[in-house]
Amino acid sequence: MSNKLFVGSLSWNTDDYGLRAAFERFGDITDAKVITDRDSGRSRGFGFVTFADSAAAGRAVDAMNGAELDGRSLNVDVAQERGGGGGGGGGGRRERSNRW
């Protein structure tokens, strides 16, 4: 089992410190991060908690999936690794111009 957990359905009011506080009773946390919008700085409603060991992560999933934090029922699961697929597409085929 991975040590990194995905935490979804976060309240807009939950910050990194609140997320860490909610999960630290299960074991040593190496990182807790609420993901925010790049432009507005507002929470995107999910985050990640990384534990020092997988046993603590397992206990946290069992206890916190469906638990309430800041008035919201959480969705907690093991984080999936991101695929190395690269960024967004560039669109369709470009016509090449013969004009210089």
PDB file of N, CA and C in Angstrom:
ATOM      1  N   MET A   1       0.847  -1.192   0.000  1.00  0.00           N
ATOM      2  CA  MET A   1       0.000   0.000   0.000  1.00  0.00           C
ATOM      3  C   MET A   1       0.880   1.239   0.000  1.00  0.00           C
ATOM      4  N   SER A   2       0.444   2.224  -0.732  1.00  0.00           N
ATOM      5  CA  SER A   2       1.165   3.492  -0.813  1.00  0.00           C
ATOM      6  C   SER A   2       0.986   4.284   0.478  1.00  0.00           C
ATOM      7  N   ASN A   3       1.907   5.168   0.737  1.00  0.00           N
ATOM      8  CA  ASN A   3       1.829   6.032   1.922  1.00  0.00           C
ATOM      9  C   ASN A   3       1.052   7.311   1.650  1.00  0.00           C
ATOM     10  N   LYS A   4       0.738   7.585   0.372  1.00  0.00           N
ATOM     11  CA  LYS A   4       0.091   8.839  -0.004  1.00  0.00           C
ATOM     12  C   LYS A   4      -1.402   8.617  -0.219  1.00  0.00           C
ATOM     13  N   LEU A   5      -2.203   9.457   0.439  1.00  0.00           N
ATOM     14  CA  LEU A   5      -3.655   9.349   0.359  1.00  0.00           C
ATOM     15  C   LEU A   5      -4.256  10.545  -0.368  1.00  0.00           C
ATOM     16  N   PHE A   6      -5.274  10.273  -1.159  1.00  0.00           N
ATOM     17  CA  PHE A   6      -6.096  11.306  -1.774  1.00  0.00           C
ATOM     18  C   PHE A   6      -7.243  11.589  -0.815  1.00  0.00           C
ATOM     19  N   VAL A   7      -7.527  12.846  -0.561  1.00  0.00           N
ATOM     20  CA  VAL A   7      -8.634  13.240   0.307  1.00  0.00           C
ATOM     21  C   VAL A   7      -9.535  14.179  -0.494  1.00  0.00           C
ATOM     22  N   GLY A   8     -10.733  13.705  -0.844  1.00  0.00           N
ATOM     23  CA  GLY A   8     -11.660  14.485  -1.637  1.00  0.00           C
ATOM     24  C   GLY A   8     -12.837  14.983  -0.832  1.00  0.00           C
ATOM     25  N   SER A   9     -13.611  15.856  -1.420  1.00  0.00           N
ATOM     26  CA  SER A   9     -14.789  16.486  -0.817  1.00  0.00           C
ATOM     27  C   SER A   9     -14.435  17.374   0.365  1.00  0.00           C
ATOM     28  N   LEU A  10     -13.293  18.042   0.274  1.00  0.00           N
ATOM     29  CA  LEU A  10     -12.894  18.959   1.344  1.00  0.00           C
ATOM     30  C   LEU A  10     -13.736  20.223   1.313  1.00  0.00           C
ATOM     31  N   SER A  11     -13.977  20.765   2.478  1.00  0.00           N
ATOM     32  CA  SER A  11     -14.636  22.055   2.606  1.00  0.00           C
ATOM     33  C   SER A  11     -13.716  23.132   2.042  1.00  0.00           C
ATOM     34  N   TRP A  12     -14.306  24.201   1.530  1.00  0.00           N
ATOM     35  CA  TRP A  12     -13.495  25.327   1.044  1.00  0.00           C
ATOM     36  C   TRP A  12     -12.688  25.927   2.194  1.00  0.00           C
ATOM     37  N   ASN A  13     -13.125  25.709   3.428  1.00  0.00           N
ATOM     38  CA  ASN A  13     -12.466  26.296   4.596  1.00  0.00           C
ATOM     39  C   ASN A  13     -11.304  25.463   5.126  1.00  0.00           C
ATOM     40  N   THR A  14     -11.142  24.235   4.652  1.00  0.00           N
ATOM     41  CA  THR A  14     -10.062  23.379   5.136  1.00  0.00           C
ATOM     42  C   THR A  14      -8.747  23.811   4.505  1.00  0.00           C
ATOM     43  N   ASP A  15      -7.727  24.019   5.368  1.00  0.00           N
ATOM     44  CA  ASP A  15      -6.409  24.390   4.869  1.00  0.00           C
ATOM     45  C   ASP A  15      -5.413  23.270   5.186  1.00  0.00           C
ATOM     46  N   ASP A  16      -4.158  23.476   4.835  1.00  0.00           N
ATOM     47  CA  ASP A  16      -3.128  22.454   5.055  1.00  0.00           C
ATOM     48  C   ASP A  16      -3.046  22.039   6.523  1.00  0.00           C
ATOM     49  N   TYR A  17      -3.125  23.011   7.412  1.00  0.00           N
ATOM     50  CA  TYR A  17      -2.999  22.727   8.844  1.00  0.00           C
ATOM     51  C   TYR A  17      -4.186  21.917   9.356  1.00  0.00           C
ATOM     52  N   GLY A  18      -5.383  22.247   8.917  1.00  0.00           N
ATOM     53  CA  GLY A  18      -6.568  21.507   9.317  1.00  0.00           C
ATOM     54  C   GLY A  18      -6.561  20.086   8.790  1.00  0.00           C
ATOM     55  N   LEU A  19      -6.066  19.921   7.568  1.00  0.00           N
ATOM     56  CA  LEU A  19      -5.965  18.593   6.980  1.00  0.00           C
ATOM     57  C   LEU A  19      -4.978  17.744   7.771  1.00  0.00           C
ATOM     58  N   ARG A  20      -3.834  18.311   8.084  1.00  0.00           N
ATOM     59  CA  ARG A  20      -2.824  17.592   8.868  1.00  0.00           C
ATOM     60  C   ARG A  20      -3.370  17.219  10.244  1.00  0.00           C
ATOM     61  N   ALA A  21      -4.029  18.153  10.896  1.00  0.00           N
ATOM     62  CA  ALA A  21      -4.567  17.905  12.234  1.00  0.00           C
ATOM     63  C   ALA A  21      -5.590  16.774  12.242  1.00  0.00           C
ATOM     64  N   ALA A  22      -6.381  16.678  11.189  1.00  0.00           N
ATOM     65  CA  ALA A  22      -7.408  15.641  11.117  1.00  0.00           C
ATOM     66  C   ALA A  22      -6.816  14.243  10.969  1.00  0.00           C
ATOM     67  N   PHE A  23      -5.612  14.148  10.394  1.00  0.00           N
ATOM     68  CA  PHE A  23      -5.028  12.842  10.095  1.00  0.00           C
ATOM     69  C   PHE A  23      -3.857  12.444  10.988  1.00  0.00           C
ATOM     70  N   GLU A  24      -3.294  13.368  11.763  1.00  0.00           N
ATOM     71  CA  GLU A  24      -2.073  13.066  12.491  1.00  0.00           C
ATOM     72  C   GLU A  24      -2.238  12.041  13.607  1.00  0.00           C
ATOM     73  N   ARG A  25      -3.440  11.765  14.026  1.00  0.00           N
ATOM     74  CA  ARG A  25      -3.640  10.760  15.084  1.00  0.00           C
ATOM     75  C   ARG A  25      -3.368   9.337  14.592  1.00  0.00           C
ATOM     76  N   PHE A  26      -3.237   9.159  13.286  1.00  0.00           N
ATOM     77  CA  PHE A  26      -3.015   7.819  12.737  1.00  0.00           C
ATOM     78  C   PHE A  26      -1.544   7.484  12.553  1.00  0.00           C
ATOM     79  N   GLY A  27      -0.671   8.475  12.635  1.00  0.00           N
ATOM     80  CA  GLY A  27       0.764   8.227  12.492  1.00  0.00           C
ATOM     81  C   GLY A  27       1.503   9.468  12.036  1.00  0.00           C
ATOM     82  N   ASP A  28       2.800   9.292  11.828  1.00  0.00           N
ATOM     83  CA  ASP A  28       3.651  10.417  11.409  1.00  0.00           C
ATOM     84  C   ASP A  28       3.327  10.823   9.981  1.00  0.00           C
ATOM     85  N   ILE A  29       3.081  12.112   9.795  1.00  0.00           N
ATOM     86  CA  ILE A  29       2.764  12.665   8.486  1.00  0.00           C
ATOM     87  C   ILE A  29       3.987  13.410   7.954  1.00  0.00           C
ATOM     88  N   THR A  30       4.354  13.101   6.718  1.00  0.00           N
ATOM     89  CA  THR A  30       5.483  13.804   6.106  1.00  0.00           C
ATOM     90  C   THR A  30       5.017  15.008   5.291  1.00  0.00           C
ATOM     91  N   ASP A  31       3.744  14.986   4.837  1.00  0.00           N
ATOM     92  CA  ASP A  31       3.225  16.103   4.055  1.00  0.00           C
ATOM     93  C   ASP A  31       1.697  16.082   4.070  1.00  0.00           C
ATOM     94  N   ALA A  32       1.096  17.246   4.132  1.00  0.00           N
ATOM     95  CA  ALA A  32      -0.368  17.397   4.021  1.00  0.00           C
ATOM     96  C   ALA A  32      -0.609  18.667   3.214  1.00  0.00           C
ATOM     97  N   LYS A  33      -1.292  18.521   2.090  1.00  0.00           N
ATOM     98  CA  LYS A  33      -1.443  19.656   1.180  1.00  0.00           C
ATOM     99  C   LYS A  33      -2.843  19.703   0.590  1.00  0.00           C
ATOM    100  N   VAL A  34      -3.524  20.840   0.776  1.00  0.00           N
ATOM    101  CA  VAL A  34      -4.788  21.115   0.092  1.00  0.00           C
ATOM    102  C   VAL A  34      -4.428  21.749  -1.236  1.00  0.00           C
ATOM    103  N   ILE A  35      -4.967  21.232  -2.319  1.00  0.00           N
ATOM    104  CA  ILE A  35      -4.656  21.734  -3.647  1.00  0.00           C
ATOM    105  C   ILE A  35      -5.510  22.971  -3.921  1.00  0.00           C
ATOM    106  N   THR A  36      -4.848  24.019  -4.380  1.00  0.00           N
ATOM    107  CA  THR A  36      -5.536  25.285  -4.631  1.00  0.00           C
ATOM    108  C   THR A  36      -5.470  25.659  -6.110  1.00  0.00           C
ATOM    109  N   ASP A  37      -6.415  26.482  -6.515  1.00  0.00           N
ATOM    110  CA  ASP A  37      -6.456  26.990  -7.877  1.00  0.00           C
ATOM    111  C   ASP A  37      -5.289  27.948  -8.085  1.00  0.00           C
ATOM    112  N   ARG A  38      -4.605  27.795  -9.176  1.00  0.00           N
ATOM    113  CA  ARG A  38      -3.417  28.611  -9.461  1.00  0.00           C
ATOM    114  C   ARG A  38      -3.750  30.097  -9.558  1.00  0.00           C
ATOM    115  N   ASP A  39      -4.893  30.433 -10.141  1.00  0.00           N
ATOM    116  CA  ASP A  39      -5.237  31.839 -10.354  1.00  0.00           C
ATOM    117  C   ASP A  39      -5.896  32.493  -9.145  1.00  0.00           C
ATOM    118  N   SER A  40      -6.878  31.808  -8.553  1.00  0.00           N
ATOM    119  CA  SER A  40      -7.642  32.425  -7.468  1.00  0.00           C
ATOM    120  C   SER A  40      -7.078  32.119  -6.083  1.00  0.00           C
ATOM    121  N   GLY A  41      -6.302  31.050  -5.948  1.00  0.00           N
ATOM    122  CA  GLY A  41      -5.791  30.659  -4.644  1.00  0.00           C
ATOM    123  C   GLY A  41      -6.809  29.908  -3.800  1.00  0.00           C
ATOM    124  N   ARG A  42      -8.005  29.718  -4.320  1.00  0.00           N
ATOM    125  CA  ARG A  42      -9.078  29.033  -3.594  1.00  0.00           C
ATOM    126  C   ARG A  42      -8.887  27.521  -3.663  1.00  0.00           C
ATOM    127  N   SER A  43      -9.280  26.829  -2.599  1.00  0.00           N
ATOM    128  CA  SER A  43      -9.197  25.371  -2.554  1.00  0.00           C
ATOM    129  C   SER A  43      -9.944  24.762  -3.727  1.00  0.00           C
ATOM    130  N   ARG A  44      -9.394  23.687  -4.277  1.00  0.00           N
ATOM    131  CA  ARG A  44     -10.066  22.958  -5.343  1.00  0.00           C
ATOM    132  C   ARG A  44     -10.910  21.818  -4.784  1.00  0.00           C
ATOM    133  N   GLY A  45     -10.946  21.689  -3.440  1.00  0.00           N
ATOM    134  CA  GLY A  45     -11.817  20.708  -2.804  1.00  0.00           C
ATOM    135  C   GLY A  45     -11.195  19.340  -2.591  1.00  0.00           C
ATOM    136  N   PHE A  46      -9.886  19.248  -2.804  1.00  0.00           N
ATOM    137  CA  PHE A  46      -9.208  17.984  -2.530  1.00  0.00           C
ATOM    138  C   PHE A  46      -7.773  18.249  -2.103  1.00  0.00           C
ATOM    139  N   GLY A  47      -7.150  17.214  -1.564  1.00  0.00           N
ATOM    140  CA  GLY A  47      -5.770  17.343  -1.122  1.00  0.00           C
ATOM    141  C   GLY A  47      -5.131  15.987  -0.973  1.00  0.00           C
ATOM    142  N   PHE A  48      -3.916  15.989  -0.457  1.00  0.00           N
ATOM    143  CA  PHE A  48      -3.155  14.762  -0.279  1.00  0.00           C
ATOM    144  C   PHE A  48      -2.509  14.766   1.088  1.00  0.00           C
ATOM    145  N   VAL A  49      -2.460  13.583   1.716  1.00  0.00           N
ATOM    146  CA  VAL A  49      -1.766  13.402   2.986  1.00  0.00           C
ATOM    147  C   VAL A  49      -0.788  12.251   2.780  1.00  0.00           C
ATOM    148  N   THR A  50       0.476  12.483   3.114  1.00  0.00           N
ATOM    149  CA  THR A  50       1.493  11.447   2.976  1.00  0.00           C
ATOM    150  C   THR A  50       1.987  11.057   4.361  1.00  0.00           C
ATOM    151  N   PHE A  51       1.924   9.761   4.638  1.00  0.00           N
ATOM    152  CA  PHE A  51       2.364   9.218   5.918  1.00  0.00           C
ATOM    153  C   PHE A  51       3.771   8.657   5.796  1.00  0.00           C
ATOM    154  N   ALA A  52       4.464   8.547   6.940  1.00  0.00           N
ATOM    155  CA  ALA A  52       5.807   7.983   6.956  1.00  0.00           C
ATOM    156  C   ALA A  52       5.779   6.484   6.667  1.00  0.00           C
ATOM    157  N   ASP A  53       4.671   5.807   6.990  1.00  0.00           N
ATOM    158  CA  ASP A  53       4.582   4.370   6.727  1.00  0.00           C
ATOM    159  C   ASP A  53       3.191   3.979   6.233  1.00  0.00           C
ATOM    160  N   SER A  54       3.135   2.878   5.523  1.00  0.00           N
ATOM    161  CA  SER A  54       1.889   2.446   4.891  1.00  0.00           C
ATOM    162  C   SER A  54       0.857   1.929   5.901  1.00  0.00           C
ATOM    163  N   ALA A  55       1.282   1.421   7.036  1.00  0.00           N
ATOM    164  CA  ALA A  55       0.333   0.945   8.044  1.00  0.00           C
ATOM    165  C   ALA A  55      -0.513   2.105   8.564  1.00  0.00           C
ATOM    166  N   ALA A  56       0.120   3.244   8.801  1.00  0.00           N
ATOM    167  CA  ALA A  56      -0.605   4.427   9.266  1.00  0.00           C
ATOM    168  C   ALA A  56      -1.569   4.904   8.184  1.00  0.00           C
ATOM    169  N   ALA A  57      -1.126   4.867   6.937  1.00  0.00           N
ATOM    170  CA  ALA A  57      -1.998   5.267   5.831  1.00  0.00           C
ATOM    171  C   ALA A  57      -3.224   4.367   5.760  1.00  0.00           C
ATOM    172  N   GLY A  58      -3.036   3.081   5.943  1.00  0.00           N
ATOM    173  CA  GLY A  58      -4.159   2.136   5.930  1.00  0.00           C
ATOM    174  C   GLY A  58      -5.154   2.406   7.043  1.00  0.00           C
ATOM    175  N   ARG A  59      -4.639   2.691   8.230  1.00  0.00           N
ATOM    176  CA  ARG A  59      -5.532   3.021   9.363  1.00  0.00           C
ATOM    177  C   ARG A  59      -6.323   4.288   9.065  1.00  0.00           C
ATOM    178  N   ALA A  60      -5.678   5.267   8.450  1.00  0.00           N
ATOM    179  CA  ALA A  60      -6.344   6.531   8.132  1.00  0.00           C
ATOM    180  C   ALA A  60      -7.452   6.333   7.101  1.00  0.00           C
ATOM    181  N   VAL A  61      -7.203   5.526   6.072  1.00  0.00           N
ATOM    182  CA  VAL A  61      -8.237   5.268   5.066  1.00  0.00           C
ATOM    183  C   VAL A  61      -9.441   4.624   5.732  1.00  0.00           C
ATOM    184  N   ASP A  62      -9.194   3.605   6.541  1.00  0.00           N
ATOM    185  CA  ASP A  62     -10.296   2.892   7.207  1.00  0.00           C
ATOM    186  C   ASP A  62     -11.126   3.807   8.095  1.00  0.00           C
ATOM    187  N   ALA A  63     -10.466   4.693   8.812  1.00  0.00           N
ATOM    188  CA  ALA A  63     -11.168   5.546   9.771  1.00  0.00           C
ATOM    189  C   ALA A  63     -11.757   6.808   9.157  1.00  0.00           C
ATOM    190  N   MET A  64     -11.091   7.366   8.153  1.00  0.00           N
ATOM    191  CA  MET A  64     -11.484   8.690   7.674  1.00  0.00           C
ATOM    192  C   MET A  64     -12.357   8.694   6.419  1.00  0.00           C
ATOM    193  N   ASN A  65     -12.419   7.595   5.689  1.00  0.00           N
ATOM    194  CA  ASN A  65     -13.292   7.559   4.525  1.00  0.00           C
ATOM    195  C   ASN A  65     -14.743   7.616   5.006  1.00  0.00           C
ATOM    196  N   GLY A  66     -15.438   8.669   4.649  1.00  0.00           N
ATOM    197  CA  GLY A  66     -16.811   8.885   5.100  1.00  0.00           C
ATOM    198  C   GLY A  66     -16.928   9.715   6.363  1.00  0.00           C
ATOM    199  N   ALA A  67     -15.791   9.988   7.022  1.00  0.00           N
ATOM    200  CA  ALA A  67     -15.808  10.811   8.237  1.00  0.00           C
ATOM    201  C   ALA A  67     -16.060  12.267   7.861  1.00  0.00           C
ATOM    202  N   GLU A  68     -16.486  13.046   8.826  1.00  0.00           N
ATOM    203  CA  GLU A  68     -16.790  14.453   8.578  1.00  0.00           C
ATOM    204  C   GLU A  68     -15.637  15.344   9.022  1.00  0.00           C
ATOM    205  N   LEU A  69     -15.316  16.322   8.170  1.00  0.00           N
ATOM    206  CA  LEU A  69     -14.316  17.335   8.488  1.00  0.00           C
ATOM    207  C   LEU A  69     -14.839  18.669   7.993  1.00  0.00           C
ATOM    208  N   ASP A  70     -14.931  19.634   8.876  1.00  0.00           N
ATOM    209  CA  ASP A  70     -15.417  20.978   8.539  1.00  0.00           C
ATOM    210  C   ASP A  70     -16.768  20.934   7.820  1.00  0.00           C
ATOM    211  N   GLY A  71     -17.646  20.030   8.282  1.00  0.00           N
ATOM    212  CA  GLY A  71     -19.001  19.956   7.757  1.00  0.00           C
ATOM    213  C   GLY A  71     -19.163  19.165   6.473  1.00  0.00           C
ATOM    214  N   ARG A  72     -18.110  18.516   5.999  1.00  0.00           N
ATOM    215  CA  ARG A  72     -18.172  17.733   4.755  1.00  0.00           C
ATOM    216  C   ARG A  72     -17.782  16.287   5.028  1.00  0.00           C
ATOM    217  N   SER A  73     -18.422  15.360   4.341  1.00  0.00           N
ATOM    218  CA  SER A  73     -18.099  13.939   4.427  1.00  0.00           C
ATOM    219  C   SER A  73     -16.962  13.653   3.448  1.00  0.00           C
ATOM    220  N   LEU A  74     -15.839  13.162   3.962  1.00  0.00           N
ATOM    221  CA  LEU A  74     -14.635  12.976   3.168  1.00  0.00           C
ATOM    222  C   LEU A  74     -14.654  11.705   2.326  1.00  0.00           C
ATOM    223  N   ASN A  75     -13.981  11.771   1.183  1.00  0.00           N
ATOM    224  CA  ASN A  75     -13.670  10.598   0.372  1.00  0.00           C
ATOM    225  C   ASN A  75     -12.166  10.407   0.485  1.00  0.00           C
ATOM    226  N   VAL A  76     -11.749   9.303   1.107  1.00  0.00           N
ATOM    227  CA  VAL A  76     -10.326   9.059   1.331  1.00  0.00           C
ATOM    228  C   VAL A  76      -9.954   7.721   0.702  1.00  0.00           C
ATOM    229  N   ASP A  77      -8.889   7.732  -0.080  1.00  0.00           N
ATOM    230  CA  ASP A  77      -8.410   6.516  -0.726  1.00  0.00           C
ATOM    231  C   ASP A  77      -6.915   6.663  -0.998  1.00  0.00           C
ATOM    232  N   VAL A  78      -6.291   5.562  -1.344  1.00  0.00           N
ATOM    233  CA  VAL A  78      -4.878   5.597  -1.709  1.00  0.00           C
ATOM    234  C   VAL A  78      -4.744   6.414  -2.994  1.00  0.00           C
ATOM    235  N   ALA A  79      -3.794   7.322  -3.014  1.00  0.00           N
ATOM    236  CA  ALA A  79      -3.580   8.174  -4.190  1.00  0.00           C
ATOM    237  C   ALA A  79      -3.050   7.336  -5.340  1.00  0.00           C
ATOM    238  N   GLN A  80      -3.550   7.614  -6.523  1.00  0.00           N
ATOM    239  CA  GLN A  80      -3.079   6.941  -7.732  1.00  0.00           C
ATOM    240  C   GLN A  80      -1.920   7.736  -8.307  1.00  0.00           C
ATOM    241  N   GLU A  81      -0.912   7.034  -8.765  1.00  0.00           N
ATOM    242  CA  GLU A  81       0.221   7.702  -9.394  1.00  0.00           C
ATOM    243  C   GLU A  81      -0.234   8.362 -10.684  1.00  0.00           C
ATOM    244  N   ARG A  82       0.257   9.543 -10.944  1.00  0.00           N
ATOM    245  CA  ARG A  82      -0.061  10.239 -12.188  1.00  0.00           C
ATOM    246  C   ARG A  82       0.655   9.559 -13.335  1.00  0.00           C
ATOM    247  N   GLY A  83      -0.059   9.433 -14.435  1.00  0.00           N
ATOM    248  CA  GLY A  83       0.570   8.900 -15.633  1.00  0.00           C
ATOM    249  C   GLY A  83       1.522   9.927 -16.205  1.00  0.00           C
ATOM    250  N   GLY A  84       2.539   9.478 -16.886  1.00  0.00           N
ATOM    251  CA  GLY A  84       3.525  10.387 -17.457  1.00  0.00           C
ATOM    252  C   GLY A  84       3.115  10.843 -18.848  1.00  0.00           C
ATOM    253  N   GLY A  85       1.823  11.056 -19.055  1.00  0.00           N
ATOM    254  CA  GLY A  85       1.298  11.324 -20.372  1.00  0.00           C
ATOM    255  C   GLY A  85       1.635  12.671 -20.958  1.00  0.00           C
ATOM    256  N   GLY A  86       2.220  13.554 -20.235  1.00  0.00           N
ATOM    257  CA  GLY A  86       2.524  14.873 -20.794  1.00  0.00           C
ATOM    258  C   GLY A  86       1.332  15.797 -20.684  1.00  0.00           C
ATOM    259  N   GLY A  87       1.480  16.958 -21.154  1.00  0.00           N
ATOM    260  CA  GLY A  87       0.459  17.996 -21.004  1.00  0.00           C
ATOM    261  C   GLY A  87      -0.674  17.889 -21.985  1.00  0.00           C
ATOM    262  N   GLY A  88      -1.339  18.982 -22.183  1.00  0.00           N
ATOM    263  CA  GLY A  88      -2.492  19.037 -23.069  1.00  0.00           C
ATOM    264  C   GLY A  88      -2.093  18.922 -24.527  1.00  0.00           C
ATOM    265  N   GLY A  89      -3.071  18.607 -25.314  1.00  0.00           N
ATOM    266  CA  GLY A  89      -2.818  18.436 -26.743  1.00  0.00           C
ATOM    267  C   GLY A  89      -2.663  19.774 -27.433  1.00  0.00           C
ATOM    268  N   GLY A  90      -2.056  19.724 -28.573  1.00  0.00           N
ATOM    269  CA  GLY A  90      -1.820  20.946 -29.319  1.00  0.00           C
ATOM    270  C   GLY A  90      -2.875  21.218 -30.367  1.00  0.00           C
ATOM    271  N   GLY A  91      -3.817  20.307 -30.466  1.00  0.00           N
ATOM    272  CA  GLY A  91      -4.856  20.523 -31.460  1.00  0.00           C
ATOM    273  C   GLY A  91      -4.589  19.734 -32.724  1.00  0.00           C
ATOM    274  N   GLY A  92      -5.224  20.150 -33.770  1.00  0.00           N
ATOM    275  CA  GLY A  92      -5.167  19.420 -35.028  1.00  0.00           C
ATOM    276  C   GLY A  92      -3.917  19.697 -35.836  1.00  0.00           C
ATOM    277  N   ARG A  93      -3.981  19.270 -37.047  1.00  0.00           N
ATOM    278  CA  ARG A  93      -2.876  19.389 -37.980  1.00  0.00           C
ATOM    279  C   ARG A  93      -2.709  20.843 -38.431  1.00  0.00           C
ATOM    280  N   ARG A  94      -1.503  21.286 -38.527  1.00  0.00           N
ATOM    281  CA  ARG A  94      -1.220  22.652 -38.968  1.00  0.00           C
ATOM    282  C   ARG A  94      -0.855  22.618 -40.448  1.00  0.00           C
ATOM    283  N   GLU A  95      -1.406  23.540 -41.171  1.00  0.00           N
ATOM    284  CA  GLU A  95      -1.047  23.679 -42.574  1.00  0.00           C
ATOM    285  C   GLU A  95       0.263  24.432 -42.660  1.00  0.00           C
ATOM    286  N   ARG A  96       1.090  23.969 -43.530  1.00  0.00           N
ATOM    287  CA  ARG A  96       2.379  24.618 -43.707  1.00  0.00           C
ATOM    288  C   ARG A  96       2.274  25.641 -44.832  1.00  0.00           C
ATOM    289  N   SER A  97       2.722  26.809 -44.558  1.00  0.00           N
ATOM    290  CA  SER A  97       2.661  27.878 -45.536  1.00  0.00           C
ATOM    291  C   SER A  97       3.926  27.895 -46.382  1.00  0.00           C
ATOM    292  N   ASN A  98       3.772  28.124 -47.663  1.00  0.00           N
ATOM    293  CA  ASN A  98       4.925  28.234 -48.556  1.00  0.00           C
ATOM    294  C   ASN A  98       5.425  29.671 -48.661  1.00  0.00           C
ATOM    295  N   ARG A  99       4.708  30.563 -48.004  1.00  0.00           N
ATOM    296  CA  ARG A  99       5.116  31.976 -48.068  1.00  0.00           C
ATOM    297  C   ARG A  99       6.206  32.236 -47.032  1.00  0.00           C
ATOM    298  N   TRP A 100       7.258  32.933 -47.466  1.00  0.00           N
ATOM    299  CA  TRP A 100       8.327  33.305 -46.558  1.00  0.00           C
ATOM    300  C   TRP A 100       8.345  34.751 -46.446  1.00  0.00           C
TER     301      TRP A 100
END
